Protein backbone atom coordinates (compact mmCIF):
# COMPACT_ATOMS: atom_id res chain seq x y z
CA UNK A 1 87.30 -127.31 -73.65
CA UNK A 2 86.18 -123.41 -74.51
CA UNK A 3 83.99 -122.16 -71.93
CA UNK A 4 83.61 -118.67 -73.94
CA UNK A 5 85.32 -115.64 -74.77
CA UNK A 6 85.64 -112.92 -72.05
CA UNK A 7 87.31 -109.32 -72.44
CA UNK A 8 88.47 -108.95 -69.65
CA UNK A 9 89.13 -105.19 -68.58
CA UNK A 10 91.95 -104.44 -65.81
CA UNK A 11 95.64 -103.01 -64.89
CA UNK A 12 97.45 -105.98 -66.27
CA UNK A 13 100.93 -105.61 -65.33
CA UNK A 14 102.75 -107.56 -63.31
CA UNK A 15 102.86 -107.92 -59.89
CA UNK A 16 99.07 -106.02 -60.37
CA UNK A 17 96.57 -108.74 -58.84
CA UNK A 18 93.97 -107.49 -61.65
CA UNK A 19 96.61 -109.62 -64.15
CA UNK A 20 96.43 -113.10 -61.44
CA UNK A 21 92.69 -113.36 -61.65
CA UNK A 22 93.10 -113.05 -65.92
CA UNK A 23 95.35 -115.41 -65.61
CA UNK A 24 92.89 -117.54 -63.49
CA UNK A 25 90.31 -117.18 -65.65
CA UNK A 26 92.81 -118.56 -68.41
CA UNK A 27 93.08 -122.04 -66.18
CA UNK A 28 89.26 -122.22 -66.27
CA UNK A 29 88.84 -122.18 -70.11
CA UNK A 30 87.99 -118.80 -70.75
CA UNK A 31 89.45 -116.75 -73.87
CA UNK A 32 90.03 -113.56 -73.28
CA UNK A 33 90.84 -110.50 -74.65
CA UNK A 34 92.07 -108.58 -72.33
CA UNK A 35 91.53 -104.71 -71.99
CA UNK A 36 94.46 -102.27 -70.16
CA UNK A 37 92.58 -99.53 -68.27
CA UNK A 38 96.82 -98.81 -67.42
CA UNK A 39 96.77 -97.72 -71.46
CA UNK A 40 93.83 -95.57 -71.05
CA UNK A 41 95.92 -93.22 -68.53
CA UNK A 42 94.65 -89.71 -69.62
CA UNK A 43 97.27 -87.91 -71.81
CA UNK A 44 99.03 -84.86 -70.85
CA UNK A 45 99.20 -82.27 -67.95
CA UNK A 46 96.15 -80.67 -68.29
CA UNK A 47 94.03 -84.09 -69.23
CA UNK A 48 95.52 -85.21 -66.12
CA UNK A 49 94.61 -82.28 -63.38
CA UNK A 50 90.87 -81.86 -65.05
CA UNK A 51 90.60 -85.94 -64.55
CA UNK A 52 92.37 -85.07 -60.35
CA UNK A 53 89.52 -81.73 -59.92
CA UNK A 54 86.81 -83.69 -60.82
CA UNK A 55 87.49 -86.91 -58.44
CA UNK A 56 88.27 -84.56 -55.73
CA UNK A 57 84.92 -82.70 -56.37
CA UNK A 58 83.36 -85.73 -56.10
CA UNK A 59 85.09 -86.61 -53.22
CA UNK A 60 83.66 -83.71 -51.78
CA UNK A 61 80.12 -84.23 -52.67
CA UNK A 62 79.21 -84.09 -55.53
CA UNK A 63 77.90 -85.46 -59.10
CA UNK A 64 80.85 -84.94 -61.35
CA UNK A 65 81.73 -87.31 -63.61
CA UNK A 66 85.65 -88.29 -64.23
CA UNK A 67 85.88 -88.07 -68.27
CA UNK A 68 87.50 -90.85 -70.53
CA UNK A 69 89.86 -89.08 -73.04
CA UNK A 70 91.53 -92.01 -74.19
CA UNK A 71 88.76 -93.37 -75.01
CA UNK A 72 87.74 -96.50 -72.83
CA UNK A 73 84.53 -96.67 -73.23
CA UNK A 74 85.40 -97.18 -77.45
CA UNK A 75 87.52 -99.64 -76.71
CA UNK A 76 85.37 -101.93 -75.44
CA UNK A 77 82.02 -101.66 -77.37
CA UNK A 78 84.52 -102.27 -80.70
CA UNK A 79 86.21 -104.98 -78.56
CA UNK A 80 83.15 -106.39 -78.23
CA UNK A 81 81.63 -106.38 -81.86
CA UNK A 82 84.81 -107.22 -83.09
CA UNK A 83 84.88 -110.64 -81.15
CA UNK A 84 81.23 -111.22 -81.05
CA UNK A 85 80.00 -113.85 -79.23
CA UNK A 86 81.23 -112.42 -76.20
CA UNK A 87 80.18 -114.63 -72.79
CA UNK A 88 81.19 -112.29 -70.38
CA UNK A 89 82.57 -109.08 -69.54
CA UNK A 90 84.53 -108.68 -66.67
CA UNK A 91 85.76 -105.56 -65.34
CA UNK A 92 87.85 -104.67 -62.75
CA UNK A 93 86.87 -101.41 -60.55
CA UNK A 94 84.80 -99.75 -63.17
CA UNK A 95 85.34 -95.95 -62.83
CA UNK A 96 84.99 -94.86 -66.29
CA UNK A 97 82.48 -97.15 -67.80
CA UNK A 98 78.75 -95.06 -68.63
CA UNK A 99 75.89 -97.00 -68.59
CA UNK A 100 75.14 -96.47 -71.92
CA UNK A 101 78.55 -99.17 -72.83
CA UNK A 102 77.08 -101.77 -71.07
CA UNK A 103 73.04 -100.90 -72.88
CA UNK A 104 74.95 -100.35 -76.13
CA UNK A 105 77.14 -103.48 -75.65
CA UNK A 106 73.84 -106.13 -75.24
CA UNK A 107 71.85 -104.43 -77.71
CA UNK A 108 74.78 -105.41 -79.78
CA UNK A 109 76.20 -109.02 -78.26
CA UNK A 110 72.88 -111.02 -77.03
CA UNK A 111 73.53 -113.49 -74.05
CA UNK A 112 76.59 -111.47 -72.79
CA UNK A 113 76.80 -111.53 -68.85
CA UNK A 114 78.76 -107.96 -67.36
CA UNK A 115 80.38 -108.63 -63.76
CA UNK A 116 82.15 -106.21 -61.86
CA UNK A 117 84.91 -106.72 -59.12
CA UNK A 118 86.75 -104.96 -56.65
CA UNK A 119 89.15 -105.28 -53.78
CA UNK A 120 88.77 -102.06 -52.38
CA UNK A 121 85.87 -100.75 -50.08
CA UNK A 122 83.28 -99.89 -52.23
CA UNK A 123 80.81 -98.33 -50.27
CA UNK A 124 82.86 -95.81 -49.68
CA UNK A 125 82.87 -92.96 -52.12
CA UNK A 126 86.92 -92.24 -51.48
CA UNK A 127 87.26 -95.34 -53.70
CA UNK A 128 83.43 -94.99 -56.28
CA UNK A 129 83.63 -92.00 -59.26
CA UNK A 130 79.70 -90.41 -60.55
CA UNK A 131 79.76 -92.92 -63.49
CA UNK A 132 80.34 -96.09 -60.97
CA UNK A 133 77.36 -95.23 -59.68
CA UNK A 134 75.20 -95.42 -62.53
CA UNK A 135 77.12 -97.96 -63.38
CA UNK A 136 75.59 -100.48 -60.86
CA UNK A 137 72.27 -100.84 -61.69
CA UNK A 138 73.66 -101.94 -65.51
CA UNK A 139 75.88 -105.00 -63.74
CA UNK A 140 74.48 -108.50 -64.32
CA UNK A 141 76.60 -109.08 -60.79
CA UNK A 142 79.15 -107.32 -58.13
CA UNK A 143 81.75 -109.42 -56.66
CA UNK A 144 83.53 -107.89 -53.77
CA UNK A 145 85.62 -109.11 -51.66
CA UNK A 146 84.26 -106.79 -48.82
CA UNK A 147 81.30 -108.73 -46.83
CA UNK A 148 80.04 -105.14 -45.52
CA UNK A 149 79.63 -104.37 -49.05
CA UNK A 150 77.27 -106.77 -50.22
CA UNK A 151 73.39 -104.98 -48.51
CA UNK A 152 75.51 -101.55 -49.60
CA UNK A 153 76.16 -102.13 -52.86
CA UNK A 154 72.82 -103.99 -53.56
CA UNK A 155 71.37 -100.39 -52.01
CA UNK A 156 72.73 -98.65 -54.30
CA UNK A 157 71.17 -99.97 -56.91
CA UNK A 158 72.94 -103.53 -57.98
CA UNK A 159 70.69 -106.94 -58.51
CA UNK A 160 73.51 -109.02 -57.56
CA UNK A 161 76.92 -108.56 -55.48
CA UNK A 162 78.64 -111.79 -53.91
CA UNK A 163 81.67 -112.10 -51.62
CA UNK A 164 84.52 -113.69 -52.53
CA UNK A 165 87.36 -114.08 -50.27
CA UNK A 166 90.76 -112.80 -51.35
CA UNK A 167 92.96 -115.94 -53.21
CA UNK A 168 96.59 -115.60 -54.37
CA UNK A 169 98.07 -116.20 -57.93
CA UNK A 170 99.92 -119.47 -57.45
CA UNK A 171 102.18 -118.25 -60.04
CA UNK A 172 103.42 -114.80 -57.95
CA UNK A 173 102.36 -116.67 -54.28
CA UNK A 174 104.54 -119.57 -53.84
CA UNK A 175 107.77 -120.73 -50.78
CA UNK A 176 111.19 -119.31 -52.19
CA UNK A 177 114.13 -120.64 -50.80
CA UNK A 178 116.08 -117.92 -48.93
CA UNK A 179 119.90 -116.84 -49.56
CA UNK A 180 121.61 -114.59 -47.22
CA UNK A 181 121.89 -111.93 -49.85
CA UNK A 182 118.24 -112.34 -50.13
CA UNK A 183 117.50 -111.92 -46.61
CA UNK A 184 119.96 -108.59 -46.35
CA UNK A 185 118.40 -107.02 -49.71
CA UNK A 186 115.14 -107.91 -49.02
CA UNK A 187 114.14 -109.00 -45.74
CA UNK A 188 115.39 -109.33 -41.57
CA UNK A 189 113.47 -110.61 -38.57
CA UNK A 190 109.91 -108.42 -38.68
CA UNK A 191 108.74 -106.60 -42.22
CA UNK A 192 106.20 -105.34 -43.04
CA UNK A 193 104.82 -104.80 -47.36
CA UNK A 194 102.60 -101.82 -48.05
CA UNK A 195 101.35 -98.29 -47.91
CA UNK A 196 101.34 -95.40 -45.07
CA UNK A 197 98.88 -95.36 -42.81
CA UNK A 198 99.34 -93.61 -39.21
CA UNK A 199 98.56 -95.99 -37.12
CA UNK A 200 100.23 -98.81 -38.70
CA UNK A 201 103.58 -95.84 -38.42
CA UNK A 202 102.92 -95.88 -34.60
CA UNK A 203 102.29 -99.63 -34.15
CA UNK A 204 105.66 -99.98 -36.41
CA UNK A 205 107.47 -97.19 -34.13
CA UNK A 206 106.50 -98.73 -31.05
CA UNK A 207 107.61 -102.05 -31.96
CA UNK A 208 111.44 -100.18 -33.16
CA UNK A 209 111.84 -98.38 -29.95
CA UNK A 210 110.92 -101.87 -27.79
CA UNK A 211 114.37 -102.62 -29.49
CA UNK A 212 112.24 -104.82 -32.51
CA UNK A 213 114.03 -104.22 -35.99
CA UNK A 214 111.35 -103.54 -38.10
CA UNK A 215 111.87 -103.22 -42.04
CA UNK A 216 108.73 -101.73 -44.24
CA UNK A 217 108.21 -101.41 -48.79
CA UNK A 218 105.41 -99.30 -49.33
CA UNK A 219 106.45 -96.50 -51.80
CA UNK A 220 106.65 -93.07 -51.37
CA UNK A 221 103.26 -93.13 -49.27
CA UNK A 222 106.19 -93.58 -46.67
CA UNK A 223 107.38 -89.71 -47.05
CA UNK A 224 104.92 -89.24 -44.73
CA UNK A 225 105.86 -90.50 -41.71
CA UNK A 226 107.21 -88.47 -39.78
CA UNK A 227 108.76 -90.42 -37.19
CA UNK A 228 112.10 -91.83 -37.18
CA UNK A 229 114.16 -94.55 -34.96
CA UNK A 230 117.55 -96.21 -35.63
CA UNK A 231 115.27 -99.66 -35.90
CA UNK A 232 112.77 -98.95 -38.37
CA UNK A 233 114.19 -99.14 -41.95
CA UNK A 234 111.57 -96.81 -44.10
CA UNK A 235 111.88 -98.19 -47.76
CA UNK A 236 110.71 -95.95 -50.22
CA UNK A 237 109.99 -98.25 -53.28
CA UNK A 238 107.05 -100.97 -53.71
CA UNK A 239 107.68 -104.65 -53.83
CA UNK A 240 105.96 -105.74 -57.29
CA UNK A 241 106.17 -109.25 -59.60
CA UNK A 242 109.21 -110.49 -59.40
CA UNK A 243 110.58 -109.25 -56.07
CA UNK A 244 106.81 -109.88 -53.55
CA UNK A 245 107.45 -113.22 -52.72
CA UNK A 246 110.94 -113.11 -52.70
CA UNK A 247 110.93 -110.16 -50.19
CA UNK A 248 108.04 -112.05 -47.66
CA UNK A 249 109.90 -115.98 -47.18
CA UNK A 250 113.13 -113.50 -46.16
CA UNK A 251 111.30 -111.99 -43.09
CA UNK A 252 111.01 -113.88 -39.85
CA UNK A 253 107.69 -112.36 -39.61
CA UNK A 254 105.61 -110.43 -41.77
CA UNK A 255 102.78 -108.54 -40.37
CA UNK A 256 99.57 -108.16 -41.97
CA UNK A 257 97.94 -104.77 -41.03
CA UNK A 258 94.19 -103.97 -42.41
CA UNK A 259 93.25 -100.45 -43.68
CA UNK A 260 91.17 -98.43 -41.63
CA UNK A 261 89.97 -95.76 -44.22
CA UNK A 262 88.49 -99.40 -46.06
CA UNK A 263 87.01 -100.57 -43.00
CA UNK A 264 89.56 -103.90 -43.86
CA UNK A 265 88.03 -107.59 -42.14
CA UNK A 266 90.49 -109.35 -44.10
CA UNK A 267 93.18 -108.11 -47.71
CA UNK A 268 95.12 -109.33 -50.12
CA UNK A 269 98.17 -110.35 -47.72
CA UNK A 270 96.00 -111.91 -45.78
CA UNK A 271 95.96 -115.11 -48.25
CA UNK A 272 99.55 -114.01 -50.38
CA UNK A 273 101.89 -114.24 -46.71
CA UNK A 274 100.53 -117.75 -45.73
CA UNK A 275 100.36 -118.50 -49.36
CA UNK A 276 104.11 -117.62 -50.13
CA UNK A 277 104.76 -120.04 -47.03
CA UNK A 278 105.87 -116.84 -44.86
CA UNK A 279 105.09 -116.61 -41.05
CA UNK A 280 102.11 -114.03 -40.77
CA UNK A 281 101.28 -112.13 -37.85
CA UNK A 282 97.90 -110.16 -38.75
CA UNK A 283 94.99 -108.35 -37.16
CA UNK A 284 92.38 -109.89 -35.50
CA UNK A 285 88.91 -110.17 -37.46
CA UNK A 286 86.74 -112.89 -36.76
CA UNK A 287 87.06 -113.18 -41.15
CA UNK A 288 91.03 -113.70 -40.93
CA UNK A 289 90.34 -116.48 -38.00
CA UNK A 290 88.15 -117.94 -40.29
CA UNK A 291 90.35 -118.50 -43.26
CA UNK A 292 93.19 -120.07 -40.53
CA UNK A 293 93.19 -121.41 -36.51
CA UNK A 294 94.51 -118.60 -35.11
CA UNK A 295 98.63 -120.05 -33.17
CA UNK A 296 98.16 -122.81 -35.82
CA UNK A 297 98.30 -121.19 -38.99
CA UNK A 298 99.03 -118.03 -38.42
CA UNK A 299 99.28 -115.64 -35.41
CA UNK A 300 97.05 -113.02 -34.57
CA UNK A 301 97.05 -109.81 -32.57
CA UNK A 302 95.06 -106.54 -31.06
CA UNK A 303 97.01 -104.32 -28.85
CA UNK A 304 100.31 -102.96 -29.67
CA UNK A 305 101.39 -104.69 -26.77
CA UNK A 306 100.12 -108.06 -27.84
CA UNK A 307 101.96 -107.76 -31.49
CA UNK A 308 104.88 -106.76 -29.03
CA UNK A 309 105.13 -109.95 -27.19
CA UNK A 310 104.11 -111.96 -30.05
CA UNK A 311 107.20 -110.54 -32.02
CA UNK A 312 109.76 -111.31 -28.89
CA UNK A 313 108.10 -114.99 -28.71
CA UNK A 314 108.33 -115.88 -32.77
CA UNK A 315 111.57 -114.93 -32.56
CA UNK A 316 113.14 -116.70 -29.70
CA UNK A 317 110.90 -119.56 -31.38
CA UNK A 318 111.85 -120.12 -34.73
CA UNK A 319 110.55 -123.63 -34.92
CA UNK A 320 106.97 -122.74 -33.97
CA UNK A 321 107.65 -120.25 -36.24
CA UNK A 322 108.55 -122.35 -39.39
CA UNK A 323 105.64 -125.38 -38.41
CA UNK A 324 102.71 -122.78 -38.47
CA UNK A 325 103.64 -120.92 -41.88
CA UNK A 326 103.66 -124.64 -43.31
CA UNK A 327 100.71 -125.15 -41.90
CA UNK A 328 99.33 -121.68 -43.51
CA UNK A 329 100.63 -123.14 -46.58
CA UNK A 330 99.07 -126.26 -46.68
CA UNK A 331 96.02 -124.03 -45.33
CA UNK A 332 95.91 -122.25 -48.95
CA UNK A 333 96.24 -124.91 -50.83
CA UNK A 334 94.22 -127.67 -49.46
CA UNK A 335 91.26 -125.11 -48.81
CA UNK A 336 91.74 -123.67 -52.70
CA UNK A 337 92.19 -120.09 -52.02
CA UNK A 338 93.91 -119.79 -55.11
CA UNK A 339 92.58 -117.06 -58.23
CA UNK A 340 91.55 -119.69 -59.51
CA UNK A 341 89.32 -121.92 -56.86
CA UNK A 342 87.74 -118.44 -55.53
CA UNK A 343 86.23 -117.45 -59.15
CA UNK A 344 84.63 -121.22 -59.78
CA UNK A 345 83.25 -120.86 -56.79
CA UNK A 346 81.87 -117.47 -57.68
CA UNK A 347 80.69 -118.93 -61.92
CA UNK A 348 79.32 -121.58 -59.81
CA UNK A 349 77.38 -119.07 -57.10
CA UNK A 350 76.14 -116.93 -59.38
CA UNK A 351 74.61 -119.69 -62.08
CA UNK A 352 72.85 -121.04 -59.00
CA UNK A 353 71.52 -117.89 -58.43
CA UNK A 354 70.12 -117.46 -61.92
CA UNK A 355 69.11 -121.01 -61.80
CA UNK A 356 67.08 -119.88 -58.77
CA UNK A 357 65.12 -116.83 -60.12
CA UNK A 358 63.38 -118.20 -62.84
């Protein structure tokens, strides 16, 4: 039975978590009307430069809105009118959607619920835009994977903010049988998949200097890494889509660093690694320890010395490593860490909140 029509705006490219959440909403019974923000990238050199300049000025503290040269707001209004009645509009990180757009849609489409979501730290200016700040009061709900963003976004004017733990997509994140060719192409003893940060690089260099072979997949951001060592292998490519799960499964140990700039207590990797049946060695936080039982379903560290000690131990004890990885996978499946269960819970809590306010 259909749960109604939903316009879903996000980066709808294979490997993007936006697309994975959209698939989850389809699983939950919504009729999805997609709006791909990747097709709304400003065309032309000068338009891109204008976008970057305005974004830079905003980060410096000026109330500088971002231009919507590709007509994302017009497209959202047109889709809403053409597909009425719309029950939900879901906006992934809506940096360009203007408050007037939502007011226009509400005037034409009665009963629509407008929700926004971001996996980023939207309490900090480097992830915001002036348009986003102005949009917050127009939203019915904002969903965040950052627990500390709840009071911060409420203080910025959003009437309802719900926290959701990170999730995974069963179609993307699942165990993959590892061949010797796959391990040679993608994996190794210790691996990290993610973008460059100086602290991450320092930890990885420390492991390499102590004799631990480390391989990093993370795109061109790692060209900023000034560290070099024979045991530190930097791959200047991102792994998305079909290569992501095979790479996780091809590493004996998958490191899960948190992004300090975003004040992370958990991240998408926190759930994606165990969901692939892969062994995770992650930074120790209260949220990580709530998601997975320490030393039984995942392993955690704080200092570089503890990281080294645990890498050495679990590389030498493959049976223990495989047992922990298997229990981590069971935890993901039995506790409903996939996006469909996560989003169903968010919808339930939102509906209960609406009834409580009546």
